[in-house]
Amino acid sequence: MFVDAVRDCLKTGGYASKHAKEEAGGTLLVGVAGRLFKVDSDYQVGEPVDSYDACGCGTDVALGSQYATDFLPPKVRLRMALTTAEHHSSGVRGPFTTLSSR
């Protein structure tokens, strides 16, 4: 049900595409009940072995930042990973918006 809702949302927003009868969307991270999931462009859902993940062109930089700052609170680590990726990857730019239900 969740993947169907994501697909509908991406289609409605014009973000999903079809090539040779195969549908593709974007890659996104979703946190639910203290767990993190990555939804890939083919709508496959995975859960990382580590307690963190990243997606997009700044993935490697953001992962390195998160690994190195494992001792910091999650919100601080997230902001640091985003700003580090922005500094080291020409395809990453703010402003950054994060949402939390807490």
PDB file of N, CA and C in Angstrom:
ATOM      1  N   MET A   1       0.813  -1.185   0.000  1.00  0.00           N
ATOM      2  CA  MET A   1       0.000   0.000   0.000  1.00  0.00           C
ATOM      3  C   MET A   1       0.866   1.262   0.000  1.00  0.00           C
ATOM      4  N   PHE A   2       1.941   1.261   0.783  1.00  0.00           N
ATOM      5  CA  PHE A   2       2.794   2.437   0.851  1.00  0.00           C
ATOM      6  C   PHE A   2       3.422   2.727  -0.505  1.00  0.00           C
ATOM      7  N   VAL A   3       3.954   1.707  -1.148  1.00  0.00           N
ATOM      8  CA  VAL A   3       4.606   1.897  -2.448  1.00  0.00           C
ATOM      9  C   VAL A   3       3.601   2.408  -3.471  1.00  0.00           C
ATOM     10  N   ASP A   4       2.376   1.895  -3.434  1.00  0.00           N
ATOM     11  CA  ASP A   4       1.340   2.389  -4.353  1.00  0.00           C
ATOM     12  C   ASP A   4       1.074   3.874  -4.125  1.00  0.00           C
ATOM     13  N   ALA A   5       1.054   4.294  -2.861  1.00  0.00           N
ATOM     14  CA  ALA A   5       0.837   5.711  -2.543  1.00  0.00           C
ATOM     15  C   ALA A   5       2.004   6.557  -3.034  1.00  0.00           C
ATOM     16  N   VAL A   6       3.231   6.054  -2.900  1.00  0.00           N
ATOM     17  CA  VAL A   6       4.411   6.773  -3.395  1.00  0.00           C
ATOM     18  C   VAL A   6       4.336   6.899  -4.906  1.00  0.00           C
ATOM     19  N   ARG A   7       4.007   5.823  -5.576  1.00  0.00           N
ATOM     20  CA  ARG A   7       3.886   5.850  -7.040  1.00  0.00           C
ATOM     21  C   ARG A   7       2.852   6.872  -7.486  1.00  0.00           C
ATOM     22  N   ASP A   8       1.689   6.860  -6.840  1.00  0.00           N
ATOM     23  CA  ASP A   8       0.634   7.821  -7.187  1.00  0.00           C
ATOM     24  C   ASP A   8       1.098   9.253  -6.959  1.00  0.00           C
ATOM     25  N   CYS A   9       1.773   9.486  -5.847  1.00  0.00           N
ATOM     26  CA  CYS A   9       2.273  10.821  -5.526  1.00  0.00           C
ATOM     27  C   CYS A   9       3.278  11.293  -6.580  1.00  0.00           C
ATOM     28  N   LEU A  10       4.214  10.425  -6.961  1.00  0.00           N
ATOM     29  CA  LEU A  10       5.218  10.799  -7.956  1.00  0.00           C
ATOM     30  C   LEU A  10       4.604  11.013  -9.335  1.00  0.00           C
ATOM     31  N   LYS A  11       3.601  10.214  -9.678  1.00  0.00           N
ATOM     32  CA  LYS A  11       2.904  10.401 -10.954  1.00  0.00           C
ATOM     33  C   LYS A  11       2.163  11.730 -10.969  1.00  0.00           C
ATOM     34  N   THR A  12       1.432  12.000  -9.895  1.00  0.00           N
ATOM     35  CA  THR A  12       0.655  13.238  -9.803  1.00  0.00           C
ATOM     36  C   THR A  12       1.564  14.461  -9.868  1.00  0.00           C
ATOM     37  N   GLY A  13       2.690  14.369  -9.229  1.00  0.00           N
ATOM     38  CA  GLY A  13       3.642  15.482  -9.230  1.00  0.00           C
ATOM     39  C   GLY A  13       4.478  15.582 -10.493  1.00  0.00           C
ATOM     40  N   GLY A  14       4.330  14.628 -11.415  1.00  0.00           N
ATOM     41  CA  GLY A  14       5.080  14.651 -12.661  1.00  0.00           C
ATOM     42  C   GLY A  14       6.514  14.185 -12.526  1.00  0.00           C
ATOM     43  N   TYR A  15       6.818  13.491 -11.420  1.00  0.00           N
ATOM     44  CA  TYR A  15       8.187  13.054 -11.182  1.00  0.00           C
ATOM     45  C   TYR A  15       8.454  11.644 -11.696  1.00  0.00           C
ATOM     46  N   ALA A  16       7.435  10.815 -11.737  1.00  0.00           N
ATOM     47  CA  ALA A  16       7.593   9.447 -12.241  1.00  0.00           C
ATOM     48  C   ALA A  16       7.628   9.486 -13.772  1.00  0.00           C
ATOM     49  N   SER A  17       8.345   8.546 -14.355  1.00  0.00           N
ATOM     50  CA  SER A  17       8.430   8.495 -15.807  1.00  0.00           C
ATOM     51  C   SER A  17       8.304   7.056 -16.289  1.00  0.00           C
ATOM     52  N   LYS A  18       8.008   6.909 -17.580  1.00  0.00           N
ATOM     53  CA  LYS A  18       7.905   5.583 -18.187  1.00  0.00           C
ATOM     54  C   LYS A  18       8.806   5.531 -19.398  1.00  0.00           C
ATOM     55  N   HIS A  19       9.647   4.500 -19.452  1.00  0.00           N
ATOM     56  CA  HIS A  19      10.513   4.266 -20.592  1.00  0.00           C
ATOM     57  C   HIS A  19      10.416   2.786 -20.927  1.00  0.00           C
ATOM     58  N   ALA A  20      10.077   2.498 -22.188  1.00  0.00           N
ATOM     59  CA  ALA A  20       9.954   1.113 -22.639  1.00  0.00           C
ATOM     60  C   ALA A  20       9.053   0.309 -21.703  1.00  0.00           C
ATOM     61  N   LYS A  21       7.931   0.871 -21.360  1.00  0.00           N
ATOM     62  CA  LYS A  21       6.899   0.240 -20.516  1.00  0.00           C
ATOM     63  C   LYS A  21       7.340   0.009 -19.075  1.00  0.00           C
ATOM     64  N   GLU A  22       8.493   0.542 -18.680  1.00  0.00           N
ATOM     65  CA  GLU A  22       8.937   0.416 -17.293  1.00  0.00           C
ATOM     66  C   GLU A  22       8.828   1.756 -16.601  1.00  0.00           C
ATOM     67  N   GLU A  23       8.151   1.748 -15.479  1.00  0.00           N
ATOM     68  CA  GLU A  23       7.957   2.963 -14.710  1.00  0.00           C
ATOM     69  C   GLU A  23       9.120   3.166 -13.749  1.00  0.00           C
ATOM     70  N   ALA A  24       9.518   4.409 -13.573  1.00  0.00           N
ATOM     71  CA  ALA A  24      10.596   4.729 -12.641  1.00  0.00           C
ATOM     72  C   ALA A  24      10.259   6.024 -11.906  1.00  0.00           C
ATOM     73  N   GLY A  25      10.620   6.060 -10.657  1.00  0.00           N
ATOM     74  CA  GLY A  25      10.443   7.273  -9.855  1.00  0.00           C
ATOM     75  C   GLY A  25      11.789   7.672  -9.293  1.00  0.00           C
ATOM     76  N   GLY A  26      11.790   8.523  -8.324  1.00  0.00           N
ATOM     77  CA  GLY A  26      13.031   8.944  -7.694  1.00  0.00           C
ATOM     78  C   GLY A  26      13.392   8.049  -6.527  1.00  0.00           C
ATOM     79  N   THR A  27      14.576   8.257  -6.011  1.00  0.00           N
ATOM     80  CA  THR A  27      15.009   7.545  -4.817  1.00  0.00           C
ATOM     81  C   THR A  27      14.756   8.442  -3.622  1.00  0.00           C
ATOM     82  N   LEU A  28      14.189   7.883  -2.567  1.00  0.00           N
ATOM     83  CA  LEU A  28      13.900   8.683  -1.387  1.00  0.00           C
ATOM     84  C   LEU A  28      14.081   7.877  -0.122  1.00  0.00           C
ATOM     85  N   LEU A  29      14.291   8.593   0.980  1.00  0.00           N
ATOM     86  CA  LEU A  29      14.441   7.981   2.293  1.00  0.00           C
ATOM     87  C   LEU A  29      13.186   8.262   3.099  1.00  0.00           C
ATOM     88  N   VAL A  30      12.736   7.247   3.825  1.00  0.00           N
ATOM     89  CA  VAL A  30      11.534   7.383   4.650  1.00  0.00           C
ATOM     90  C   VAL A  30      11.829   6.794   6.025  1.00  0.00           C
ATOM     91  N   GLY A  31      11.557   7.554   7.052  1.00  0.00           N
ATOM     92  CA  GLY A  31      11.708   7.069   8.415  1.00  0.00           C
ATOM     93  C   GLY A  31      10.336   6.822   9.024  1.00  0.00           C
ATOM     94  N   VAL A  32      10.165   5.639   9.614  1.00  0.00           N
ATOM     95  CA  VAL A  32       8.898   5.272  10.234  1.00  0.00           C
ATOM     96  C   VAL A  32       9.182   4.540  11.541  1.00  0.00           C
ATOM     97  N   ALA A  33       8.592   5.026  12.612  1.00  0.00           N
ATOM     98  CA  ALA A  33       8.688   4.372  13.921  1.00  0.00           C
ATOM     99  C   ALA A  33      10.130   4.038  14.308  1.00  0.00           C
ATOM    100  N   GLY A  34      11.033   4.993  14.080  1.00  0.00           N
ATOM    101  CA  GLY A  34      12.430   4.792  14.459  1.00  0.00           C
ATOM    102  C   GLY A  34      13.236   3.942  13.501  1.00  0.00           C
ATOM    103  N   ARG A  35      12.665   3.578  12.364  1.00  0.00           N
ATOM    104  CA  ARG A  35      13.377   2.784  11.357  1.00  0.00           C
ATOM    105  C   ARG A  35      13.507   3.597  10.075  1.00  0.00           C
ATOM    106  N   LEU A  36      14.573   3.339   9.314  1.00  0.00           N
ATOM    107  CA  LEU A  36      14.836   4.062   8.077  1.00  0.00           C
ATOM    108  C   LEU A  36      14.721   3.112   6.896  1.00  0.00           C
ATOM    109  N   PHE A  37      14.090   3.582   5.832  1.00  0.00           N
ATOM    110  CA  PHE A  37      13.920   2.789   4.616  1.00  0.00           C
ATOM    111  C   PHE A  37      14.314   3.633   3.409  1.00  0.00           C
ATOM    112  N   LYS A  38      14.870   2.952   2.395  1.00  0.00           N
ATOM    113  CA  LYS A  38      15.175   3.612   1.121  1.00  0.00           C
ATOM    114  C   LYS A  38      14.256   3.034   0.061  1.00  0.00           C
ATOM    115  N   VAL A  39      13.547   3.911  -0.630  1.00  0.00           N
ATOM    116  CA  VAL A  39      12.699   3.515  -1.751  1.00  0.00           C
ATOM    117  C   VAL A  39      13.477   3.876  -3.010  1.00  0.00           C
ATOM    118  N   ASP A  40      13.876   2.858  -3.774  1.00  0.00           N
ATOM    119  CA  ASP A  40      14.660   3.080  -4.986  1.00  0.00           C
ATOM    120  C   ASP A  40      13.760   3.464  -6.156  1.00  0.00           C
ATOM    121  N   SER A  41      14.382   3.873  -7.253  1.00  0.00           N
ATOM    122  CA  SER A  41      13.624   4.361  -8.406  1.00  0.00           C
ATOM    123  C   SER A  41      12.723   3.288  -9.024  1.00  0.00           C
ATOM    124  N   ASP A  42      13.009   2.007  -8.755  1.00  0.00           N
ATOM    125  CA  ASP A  42      12.134   0.936  -9.241  1.00  0.00           C
ATOM    126  C   ASP A  42      11.117   0.529  -8.170  1.00  0.00           C
ATOM    127  N   TYR A  43      11.013   1.344  -7.117  1.00  0.00           N
ATOM    128  CA  TYR A  43      10.069   1.175  -6.002  1.00  0.00           C
ATOM    129  C   TYR A  43      10.402  -0.006  -5.094  1.00  0.00           C
ATOM    130  N   GLN A  44      11.599  -0.524  -5.205  1.00  0.00           N
ATOM    131  CA  GLN A  44      12.057  -1.539  -4.262  1.00  0.00           C
ATOM    132  C   GLN A  44      12.334  -0.833  -2.940  1.00  0.00           C
ATOM    133  N   VAL A  45      11.933  -1.454  -1.838  1.00  0.00           N
ATOM    134  CA  VAL A  45      12.136  -0.862  -0.513  1.00  0.00           C
ATOM    135  C   VAL A  45      13.186  -1.674   0.233  1.00  0.00           C
ATOM    136  N   GLY A  46      14.187  -0.979   0.765  1.00  0.00           N
ATOM    137  CA  GLY A  46      15.243  -1.640   1.520  1.00  0.00           C
ATOM    138  C   GLY A  46      15.464  -0.938   2.846  1.00  0.00           C
ATOM    139  N   GLU A  47      16.029  -1.659   3.798  1.00  0.00           N
ATOM    140  CA  GLU A  47      16.365  -1.098   5.100  1.00  0.00           C
ATOM    141  C   GLU A  47      17.871  -1.241   5.296  1.00  0.00           C
ATOM    142  N   PRO A  48      18.578  -0.127   5.545  1.00  0.00           N
ATOM    143  CA  PRO A  48      20.036  -0.205   5.658  1.00  0.00           C
ATOM    144  C   PRO A  48      20.495  -0.985   6.886  1.00  0.00           C
ATOM    145  N   VAL A  49      21.649  -1.595   6.779  1.00  0.00           N
ATOM    146  CA  VAL A  49      22.251  -2.306   7.900  1.00  0.00           C
ATOM    147  C   VAL A  49      22.640  -1.307   8.989  1.00  0.00           C
ATOM    148  N   ASP A  50      23.188  -0.168   8.572  1.00  0.00           N
ATOM    149  CA  ASP A  50      23.527   0.890   9.522  1.00  0.00           C
ATOM    150  C   ASP A  50      22.265   1.674   9.855  1.00  0.00           C
ATOM    151  N   SER A  51      22.339   2.523  10.846  1.00  0.00           N
ATOM    152  CA  SER A  51      21.170   3.303  11.251  1.00  0.00           C
ATOM    153  C   SER A  51      21.008   4.560  10.409  1.00  0.00           C
ATOM    154  N   TYR A  52      21.722   4.664   9.289  1.00  0.00           N
ATOM    155  CA  TYR A  52      21.676   5.840   8.441  1.00  0.00           C
ATOM    156  C   TYR A  52      21.823   5.432   6.984  1.00  0.00           C
ATOM    157  N   ASP A  53      21.475   6.361   6.090  1.00  0.00           N
ATOM    158  CA  ASP A  53      21.617   6.120   4.662  1.00  0.00           C
ATOM    159  C   ASP A  53      21.615   7.473   3.967  1.00  0.00           C
ATOM    160  N   ALA A  54      21.781   7.479   2.673  1.00  0.00           N
ATOM    161  CA  ALA A  54      21.750   8.701   1.878  1.00  0.00           C
ATOM    162  C   ALA A  54      21.356   8.336   0.460  1.00  0.00           C
ATOM    163  N   CYS A  55      20.916   9.326  -0.295  1.00  0.00           N
ATOM    164  CA  CYS A  55      20.606   9.089  -1.700  1.00  0.00           C
ATOM    165  C   CYS A  55      20.915  10.348  -2.494  1.00  0.00           C
ATOM    166  N   GLY A  56      21.066  10.191  -3.786  1.00  0.00           N
ATOM    167  CA  GLY A  56      21.367  11.319  -4.652  1.00  0.00           C
ATOM    168  C   GLY A  56      22.846  11.418  -4.968  1.00  0.00           C
ATOM    169  N   CYS A  57      23.224  12.507  -5.628  1.00  0.00           N
ATOM    170  CA  CYS A  57      24.602  12.641  -6.103  1.00  0.00           C
ATOM    171  C   CYS A  57      25.598  12.885  -4.975  1.00  0.00           C
ATOM    172  N   GLY A  58      25.133  13.250  -3.786  1.00  0.00           N
ATOM    173  CA  GLY A  58      26.025  13.451  -2.658  1.00  0.00           C
ATOM    174  C   GLY A  58      26.074  12.277  -1.705  1.00  0.00           C
ATOM    175  N   THR A  59      25.599  11.115  -2.155  1.00  0.00           N
ATOM    176  CA  THR A  59      25.497   9.939  -1.289  1.00  0.00           C
ATOM    177  C   THR A  59      26.798   9.599  -0.573  1.00  0.00           C
ATOM    178  N   ASP A  60      27.878   9.455  -1.316  1.00  0.00           N
ATOM    179  CA  ASP A  60      29.140   9.020  -0.700  1.00  0.00           C
ATOM    180  C   ASP A  60      29.634  10.011   0.347  1.00  0.00           C
ATOM    181  N   VAL A  61      29.532  11.289   0.045  1.00  0.00           N
ATOM    182  CA  VAL A  61      29.985  12.315   0.992  1.00  0.00           C
ATOM    183  C   VAL A  61      29.106  12.299   2.242  1.00  0.00           C
ATOM    184  N   ALA A  62      27.794  12.227   2.048  1.00  0.00           N
ATOM    185  CA  ALA A  62      26.869  12.224   3.182  1.00  0.00           C
ATOM    186  C   ALA A  62      27.047  10.973   4.042  1.00  0.00           C
ATOM    187  N   LEU A  63      27.287   9.830   3.414  1.00  0.00           N
ATOM    188  CA  LEU A  63      27.518   8.603   4.183  1.00  0.00           C
ATOM    189  C   LEU A  63      28.793   8.711   5.005  1.00  0.00           C
ATOM    190  N   GLY A  64      29.836   9.262   4.412  1.00  0.00           N
ATOM    191  CA  GLY A  64      31.088   9.444   5.141  1.00  0.00           C
ATOM    192  C   GLY A  64      30.916  10.372   6.334  1.00  0.00           C
ATOM    193  N   SER A  65      30.169  11.437   6.146  1.00  0.00           N
ATOM    194  CA  SER A  65      29.910  12.375   7.233  1.00  0.00           C
ATOM    195  C   SER A  65      29.141  11.700   8.363  1.00  0.00           C
ATOM    196  N   GLN A  66      28.127  10.927   8.000  1.00  0.00           N
ATOM    197  CA  GLN A  66      27.322  10.250   9.026  1.00  0.00           C
ATOM    198  C   GLN A  66      28.135   9.205   9.791  1.00  0.00           C
ATOM    199  N   TYR A  67      28.986   8.497   9.072  1.00  0.00           N
ATOM    200  CA  TYR A  67      29.836   7.506   9.726  1.00  0.00           C
ATOM    201  C   TYR A  67      30.772   8.178  10.731  1.00  0.00           C
ATOM    202  N   ALA A  68      31.345   9.296  10.327  1.00  0.00           N
ATOM    203  CA  ALA A  68      32.325   9.979  11.171  1.00  0.00           C
ATOM    204  C   ALA A  68      31.703  10.709  12.361  1.00  0.00           C
ATOM    205  N   THR A  69      30.391  10.952  12.308  1.00  0.00           N
ATOM    206  CA  THR A  69      29.731  11.712  13.377  1.00  0.00           C
ATOM    207  C   THR A  69      28.709  10.861  14.131  1.00  0.00           C
ATOM    208  N   ASP A  70      28.968   9.578  14.197  1.00  0.00           N
ATOM    209  CA  ASP A  70      28.025   8.630  14.812  1.00  0.00           C
ATOM    210  C   ASP A  70      27.701   8.973  16.273  1.00  0.00           C
ATOM    211  N   PHE A  71      28.562   9.724  16.932  1.00  0.00           N
ATOM    212  CA  PHE A  71      28.394  10.064  18.346  1.00  0.00           C
ATOM    213  C   PHE A  71      27.447  11.253  18.556  1.00  0.00           C
ATOM    214  N   LEU A  72      27.099  11.966  17.498  1.00  0.00           N
ATOM    215  CA  LEU A  72      26.238  13.149  17.605  1.00  0.00           C
ATOM    216  C   LEU A  72      24.760  12.781  17.538  1.00  0.00           C
ATOM    217  N   PRO A  73      23.872  13.648  18.036  1.00  0.00           N
ATOM    218  CA  PRO A  73      22.427  13.399  17.923  1.00  0.00           C
ATOM    219  C   PRO A  73      21.995  13.349  16.448  1.00  0.00           C
ATOM    220  N   PRO A  74      20.974  12.571  16.117  1.00  0.00           N
ATOM    221  CA  PRO A  74      20.548  12.375  14.715  1.00  0.00           C
ATOM    222  C   PRO A  74      20.281  13.663  13.938  1.00  0.00           C
ATOM    223  N   LYS A  75      19.605  14.626  14.526  1.00  0.00           N
ATOM    224  CA  LYS A  75      19.296  15.859  13.789  1.00  0.00           C
ATOM    225  C   LYS A  75      20.566  16.635  13.438  1.00  0.00           C
ATOM    226  N   VAL A  76      21.535  16.624  14.339  1.00  0.00           N
ATOM    227  CA  VAL A  76      22.811  17.304  14.086  1.00  0.00           C
ATOM    228  C   VAL A  76      23.571  16.571  12.981  1.00  0.00           C
ATOM    229  N   ARG A  77      23.573  15.248  13.039  1.00  0.00           N
ATOM    230  CA  ARG A  77      24.263  14.441  12.017  1.00  0.00           C
ATOM    231  C   ARG A  77      23.658  14.673  10.638  1.00  0.00           C
ATOM    232  N   LEU A  78      22.328  14.737  10.581  1.00  0.00           N
ATOM    233  CA  LEU A  78      21.644  14.949   9.302  1.00  0.00           C
ATOM    234  C   LEU A  78      22.029  16.298   8.711  1.00  0.00           C
ATOM    235  N   ARG A  79      21.957  17.345   9.515  1.00  0.00           N
ATOM    236  CA  ARG A  79      22.312  18.686   9.033  1.00  0.00           C
ATOM    237  C   ARG A  79      23.782  18.720   8.588  1.00  0.00           C
ATOM    238  N   MET A  80      24.652  18.083   9.353  1.00  0.00           N
ATOM    239  CA  MET A  80      26.071  18.061   9.012  1.00  0.00           C
ATOM    240  C   MET A  80      26.308  17.291   7.707  1.00  0.00           C
ATOM    241  N   ALA A  81      25.620  16.177   7.523  1.00  0.00           N
ATOM    242  CA  ALA A  81      25.760  15.392   6.289  1.00  0.00           C
ATOM    243  C   ALA A  81      25.300  16.208   5.078  1.00  0.00           C
ATOM    244  N   LEU A  82      24.213  16.938   5.226  1.00  0.00           N
ATOM    245  CA  LEU A  82      23.709  17.756   4.117  1.00  0.00           C
ATOM    246  C   LEU A  82      24.674  18.888   3.771  1.00  0.00           C
ATOM    247  N   THR A  83      25.159  19.580   4.775  1.00  0.00           N
ATOM    248  CA  THR A  83      26.070  20.692   4.497  1.00  0.00           C
ATOM    249  C   THR A  83      27.424  20.198   3.990  1.00  0.00           C
ATOM    250  N   THR A  84      27.864  19.032   4.457  1.00  0.00           N
ATOM    251  CA  THR A  84      29.111  18.451   3.953  1.00  0.00           C
ATOM    252  C   THR A  84      28.961  18.055   2.487  1.00  0.00           C
ATOM    253  N   ALA A  85      27.827  17.425   2.146  1.00  0.00           N
ATOM    254  CA  ALA A  85      27.574  17.049   0.750  1.00  0.00           C
ATOM    255  C   ALA A  85      27.461  18.296  -0.124  1.00  0.00           C
ATOM    256  N   GLU A  86      26.848  19.342   0.395  1.00  0.00           N
ATOM    257  CA  GLU A  86      26.746  20.594  -0.364  1.00  0.00           C
ATOM    258  C   GLU A  86      28.132  21.176  -0.654  1.00  0.00           C
ATOM    259  N   HIS A  87      29.008  21.106   0.328  1.00  0.00           N
ATOM    260  CA  HIS A  87      30.356  21.653   0.179  1.00  0.00           C
ATOM    261  C   HIS A  87      31.204  20.854  -0.820  1.00  0.00           C
ATOM    262  N   HIS A  88      31.038  19.531  -0.837  1.00  0.00           N
ATOM    263  CA  HIS A  88      31.913  18.678  -1.633  1.00  0.00           C
ATOM    264  C   HIS A  88      31.298  18.148  -2.928  1.00  0.00           C
ATOM    265  N   SER A  89      30.027  18.377  -3.161  1.00  0.00           N
ATOM    266  CA  SER A  89      29.385  17.869  -4.378  1.00  0.00           C
ATOM    267  C   SER A  89      28.694  19.022  -5.108  1.00  0.00           C
ATOM    268  N   SER A  90      29.065  19.239  -6.350  1.00  0.00           N
ATOM    269  CA  SER A  90      28.507  20.369  -7.101  1.00  0.00           C
ATOM    270  C   SER A  90      27.021  20.217  -7.392  1.00  0.00           C
ATOM    271  N   GLY A  91      26.472  19.020  -7.241  1.00  0.00           N
ATOM    272  CA  GLY A  91      25.056  18.800  -7.513  1.00  0.00           C
ATOM    273  C   GLY A  91      24.162  18.920  -6.294  1.00  0.00           C
ATOM    274  N   VAL A  92      24.732  19.251  -5.145  1.00  0.00           N
ATOM    275  CA  VAL A  92      23.948  19.351  -3.907  1.00  0.00           C
ATOM    276  C   VAL A  92      23.911  20.814  -3.477  1.00  0.00           C
ATOM    277  N   ARG A  93      22.696  21.350  -3.287  1.00  0.00           N
ATOM    278  CA  ARG A  93      22.543  22.726  -2.850  1.00  0.00           C
ATOM    279  C   ARG A  93      21.337  22.861  -1.938  1.00  0.00           C
ATOM    280  N   GLY A  94      21.482  23.704  -0.915  1.00  0.00           N
ATOM    281  CA  GLY A  94      20.367  24.048  -0.047  1.00  0.00           C
ATOM    282  C   GLY A  94      19.455  25.025  -0.763  1.00  0.00           C
ATOM    283  N   PRO A  95      18.394  25.416  -0.172  1.00  0.00           N
ATOM    284  CA  PRO A  95      18.055  25.150   1.234  1.00  0.00           C
ATOM    285  C   PRO A  95      17.563  23.718   1.419  1.00  0.00           C
ATOM    286  N   PHE A  96      17.769  23.194   2.595  1.00  0.00           N
ATOM    287  CA  PHE A  96      17.352  21.844   2.937  1.00  0.00           C
ATOM    288  C   PHE A  96      16.138  21.909   3.853  1.00  0.00           C
ATOM    289  N   THR A  97      15.185  21.052   3.592  1.00  0.00           N
ATOM    290  CA  THR A  97      13.985  20.975   4.415  1.00  0.00           C
ATOM    291  C   THR A  97      13.879  19.559   4.959  1.00  0.00           C
ATOM    292  N   THR A  98      13.793  19.421   6.256  1.00  0.00           N
ATOM    293  CA  THR A  98      13.584  18.109   6.863  1.00  0.00           C
ATOM    294  C   THR A  98      12.273  18.162   7.631  1.00  0.00           C
ATOM    295  N   LEU A  99      11.580  17.052   7.642  1.00  0.00           N
ATOM    296  CA  LEU A  99      10.306  16.962   8.337  1.00  0.00           C
ATOM    297  C   LEU A  99      10.373  15.912   9.408  1.00  0.00           C
ATOM    298  N   SER A 100       9.733  16.189  10.526  1.00  0.00           N
ATOM    299  CA  SER A 100       9.687  15.239  11.619  1.00  0.00           C
ATOM    300  C   SER A 100       8.333  15.359  12.313  1.00  0.00           C
ATOM    301  N   SER A 101       7.786  14.237  12.710  1.00  0.00           N
ATOM    302  CA  SER A 101       6.501  14.272  13.406  1.00  0.00           C
ATOM    303  C   SER A 101       6.705  14.410  14.911  1.00  0.00           C
ATOM    304  N   ARG A 102       7.946  14.459  15.360  1.00  0.00           N
ATOM    305  CA  ARG A 102       8.224  14.622  16.792  1.00  0.00           C
ATOM    306  C   ARG A 102       8.474  16.050  17.137  1.00  0.00           C
TER     307      ARG A 102
END
